[in-house]
Amino acid sequence: PLLWKNRVPGLEDLPDEDAKFRHDVAQRPDEAAMERYEEVPVEEFGKAVLRGMGWRPGKAIGKNQTGLVEPVEFVPRPHRLGLGATPKAPEVKQKKYIKP
């Protein structure tokens, strides 16, 4: 499973929880500097997160990488229209003439 794949190596050999905690913290990377955050523009943030999880451009997302490669485009729904409903065609009003 995923948790077993991402486990910290060497924890099995340590005697108590305190030693395991200290070993786990020592294995973690250093804190990122503010310059590293400024290198990634806001428009590319989602892509940067996916790259951090192992995704590569041109490959699908997921365990088997068999999904869609191109993102699904967002199509906004008309205001207050429920799921499964189709918009009603606009009604053409005929002008009424009043005799003088």
C-alpha atoms as a PDB file:
ATOM      1  CA  PRO A   1       0.000   0.000   0.000  1.00  0.00           C
ATOM      2  CA  LEU A   2       0.898   3.665  -0.304  1.00  0.00           C
ATOM      3  CA  LEU A   3       1.751   4.109   3.376  1.00  0.00           C
ATOM      4  CA  TRP A   4       4.186   1.198   3.268  1.00  0.00           C
ATOM      5  CA  LYS A   5       5.860   2.628   0.148  1.00  0.00           C
ATOM      6  CA  ASN A   6       6.342   6.054   1.807  1.00  0.00           C
ATOM      7  CA  ARG A   7       7.549   4.801   5.191  1.00  0.00           C
ATOM      8  CA  VAL A   8      10.704   6.212   6.773  1.00  0.00           C
ATOM      9  CA  PRO A   9      13.563   3.702   6.437  1.00  0.00           C
ATOM     10  CA  GLY A  10      15.238   2.507   9.615  1.00  0.00           C
ATOM     11  CA  LEU A  11      12.292   2.910  12.020  1.00  0.00           C
ATOM     12  CA  GLU A  12      11.992  -0.834  12.633  1.00  0.00           C
ATOM     13  CA  ASP A  13      15.416  -0.972  14.329  1.00  0.00           C
ATOM     14  CA  LEU A  14      14.748   1.811  16.866  1.00  0.00           C
ATOM     15  CA  PRO A  15      13.708   0.841  20.404  1.00  0.00           C
ATOM     16  CA  ASP A  16      11.079   3.401  21.474  1.00  0.00           C
ATOM     17  CA  GLU A  17       8.655   5.987  20.103  1.00  0.00           C
ATOM     18  CA  ASP A  18      10.836   8.941  21.086  1.00  0.00           C
ATOM     19  CA  ALA A  19      13.798   7.617  19.093  1.00  0.00           C
ATOM     20  CA  LYS A  20      11.513   6.862  16.129  1.00  0.00           C
ATOM     21  CA  PHE A  21      10.137  10.412  16.233  1.00  0.00           C
ATOM     22  CA  ARG A  22      13.609  11.976  16.345  1.00  0.00           C
ATOM     23  CA  HIS A  23      14.772   9.775  13.455  1.00  0.00           C
ATOM     24  CA  ASP A  24      11.686  10.694  11.395  1.00  0.00           C
ATOM     25  CA  VAL A  25      12.204  14.435  11.982  1.00  0.00           C
ATOM     26  CA  ALA A  26      15.897  14.171  11.121  1.00  0.00           C
ATOM     27  CA  GLN A  27      15.008  12.592   7.751  1.00  0.00           C
ATOM     28  CA  ARG A  28      12.737  15.464   6.700  1.00  0.00           C
ATOM     29  CA  PRO A  29      14.014  18.136   4.254  1.00  0.00           C
ATOM     30  CA  ASP A  30      15.006  21.621   5.387  1.00  0.00           C
ATOM     31  CA  GLU A  31      12.435  24.389   5.395  1.00  0.00           C
ATOM     32  CA  ALA A  32      12.011  26.060   1.999  1.00  0.00           C
ATOM     33  CA  ALA A  33      13.177  29.662   1.610  1.00  0.00           C
ATOM     34  CA  MET A  34      10.833  32.393   0.373  1.00  0.00           C
ATOM     35  CA  GLU A  35      12.823  32.652  -2.872  1.00  0.00           C
ATOM     36  CA  ARG A  36      11.743  29.105  -3.773  1.00  0.00           C
ATOM     37  CA  TYR A  37       8.073  30.103  -3.465  1.00  0.00           C
ATOM     38  CA  GLU A  38       8.559  33.178  -5.613  1.00  0.00           C
ATOM     39  CA  GLU A  39      10.109  31.076  -8.406  1.00  0.00           C
ATOM     40  CA  VAL A  40       6.742  29.415  -9.111  1.00  0.00           C
ATOM     41  CA  PRO A  41       4.123  31.793 -10.546  1.00  0.00           C
ATOM     42  CA  VAL A  42       0.571  31.519  -9.214  1.00  0.00           C
ATOM     43  CA  GLU A  43      -0.657  30.238 -12.602  1.00  0.00           C
ATOM     44  CA  GLU A  44       1.719  27.256 -12.362  1.00  0.00           C
ATOM     45  CA  PHE A  45       1.030  26.344  -8.721  1.00  0.00           C
ATOM     46  CA  GLY A  46      -1.236  23.363  -9.437  1.00  0.00           C
ATOM     47  CA  LYS A  47       1.243  21.949 -11.932  1.00  0.00           C
ATOM     48  CA  ALA A  48       4.041  22.361  -9.393  1.00  0.00           C
ATOM     49  CA  VAL A  49       2.032  20.445  -6.773  1.00  0.00           C
ATOM     50  CA  LEU A  50       1.388  17.601  -9.224  1.00  0.00           C
ATOM     51  CA  ARG A  51       5.077  17.478 -10.195  1.00  0.00           C
ATOM     52  CA  GLY A  52       5.929  17.199  -6.514  1.00  0.00           C
ATOM     53  CA  MET A  53       3.709  14.102  -6.353  1.00  0.00           C
ATOM     54  CA  GLY A  54       5.523  12.442  -9.257  1.00  0.00           C
ATOM     55  CA  TRP A  55       3.461  13.593 -12.254  1.00  0.00           C
ATOM     56  CA  ARG A  56       5.272  14.376 -15.500  1.00  0.00           C
ATOM     57  CA  PRO A  57       3.920  16.474 -18.410  1.00  0.00           C
ATOM     58  CA  GLY A  58       2.301  14.317 -21.096  1.00  0.00           C
ATOM     59  CA  LYS A  59       1.427  11.486 -18.705  1.00  0.00           C
ATOM     60  CA  ALA A  60      -1.941  10.715 -17.162  1.00  0.00           C
ATOM     61  CA  ILE A  61      -2.648  11.079 -13.456  1.00  0.00           C
ATOM     62  CA  GLY A  62      -3.246   8.002 -11.301  1.00  0.00           C
ATOM     63  CA  LYS A  63      -1.735   4.734 -10.207  1.00  0.00           C
ATOM     64  CA  ASN A  64      -1.918   3.069 -13.641  1.00  0.00           C
ATOM     65  CA  GLN A  65      -1.560   6.303 -15.651  1.00  0.00           C
ATOM     66  CA  THR A  66      -4.352   5.250 -18.010  1.00  0.00           C
ATOM     67  CA  GLY A  67      -6.617   8.263 -17.511  1.00  0.00           C
ATOM     68  CA  LEU A  68      -7.055  11.417 -19.545  1.00  0.00           C
ATOM     69  CA  VAL A  69      -3.922  13.351 -20.405  1.00  0.00           C
ATOM     70  CA  GLU A  70      -5.665  16.602 -21.365  1.00  0.00           C
ATOM     71  CA  PRO A  71      -7.539  18.421 -18.575  1.00  0.00           C
ATOM     72  CA  VAL A  72     -11.337  18.515 -18.580  1.00  0.00           C
ATOM     73  CA  GLU A  73     -12.454  22.007 -19.544  1.00  0.00           C
ATOM     74  CA  PHE A  74     -14.877  23.797 -17.230  1.00  0.00           C
ATOM     75  CA  VAL A  75     -18.150  24.793 -18.889  1.00  0.00           C
ATOM     76  CA  PRO A  76     -20.220  27.103 -16.656  1.00  0.00           C
ATOM     77  CA  ARG A  77     -23.907  26.277 -16.243  1.00  0.00           C
ATOM     78  CA  PRO A  78     -26.594  28.914 -16.822  1.00  0.00           C
ATOM     79  CA  HIS A  79     -27.675  30.725 -13.657  1.00  0.00           C
ATOM     80  CA  ARG A  80     -29.876  28.639 -11.318  1.00  0.00           C
ATOM     81  CA  LEU A  81     -30.106  25.692 -13.721  1.00  0.00           C
ATOM     82  CA  GLY A  82     -30.124  22.315 -11.931  1.00  0.00           C
ATOM     83  CA  LEU A  83     -28.184  19.195 -12.853  1.00  0.00           C
ATOM     84  CA  GLY A  84     -29.656  17.363 -15.826  1.00  0.00           C
ATOM     85  CA  ALA A  85     -31.776  20.345 -16.871  1.00  0.00           C
ATOM     86  CA  THR A  86     -31.497  21.968 -20.266  1.00  0.00           C
ATOM     87  CA  PRO A  87     -32.000  25.675 -20.800  1.00  0.00           C
ATOM     88  CA  LYS A  88     -35.403  26.676 -22.129  1.00  0.00           C
ATOM     89  CA  ALA A  89     -35.496  28.367 -25.515  1.00  0.00           C
ATOM     90  CA  PRO A  90     -36.221  32.091 -25.250  1.00  0.00           C
ATOM     91  CA  GLU A  91     -39.865  32.927 -25.896  1.00  0.00           C
ATOM     92  CA  VAL A  92     -40.652  35.316 -28.706  1.00  0.00           C
ATOM     93  CA  LYS A  93     -43.309  37.769 -27.580  1.00  0.00           C
ATOM     94  CA  GLN A  94     -45.678  39.111 -30.167  1.00  0.00           C
ATOM     95  CA  LYS A  95     -46.625  42.745 -29.959  1.00  0.00           C
ATOM     96  CA  LYS A  96     -50.248  43.490 -29.214  1.00  0.00           C
ATOM     97  CA  TYR A  97     -51.801  46.346 -31.109  1.00  0.00           C
ATOM     98  CA  ILE A  98     -54.476  48.417 -29.425  1.00  0.00           C
ATOM     99  CA  LYS A  99     -56.998  50.168 -31.633  1.00  0.00           C
ATOM    100  CA  PRO A 100     -57.235  53.870 -30.943  1.00  0.00           C
END
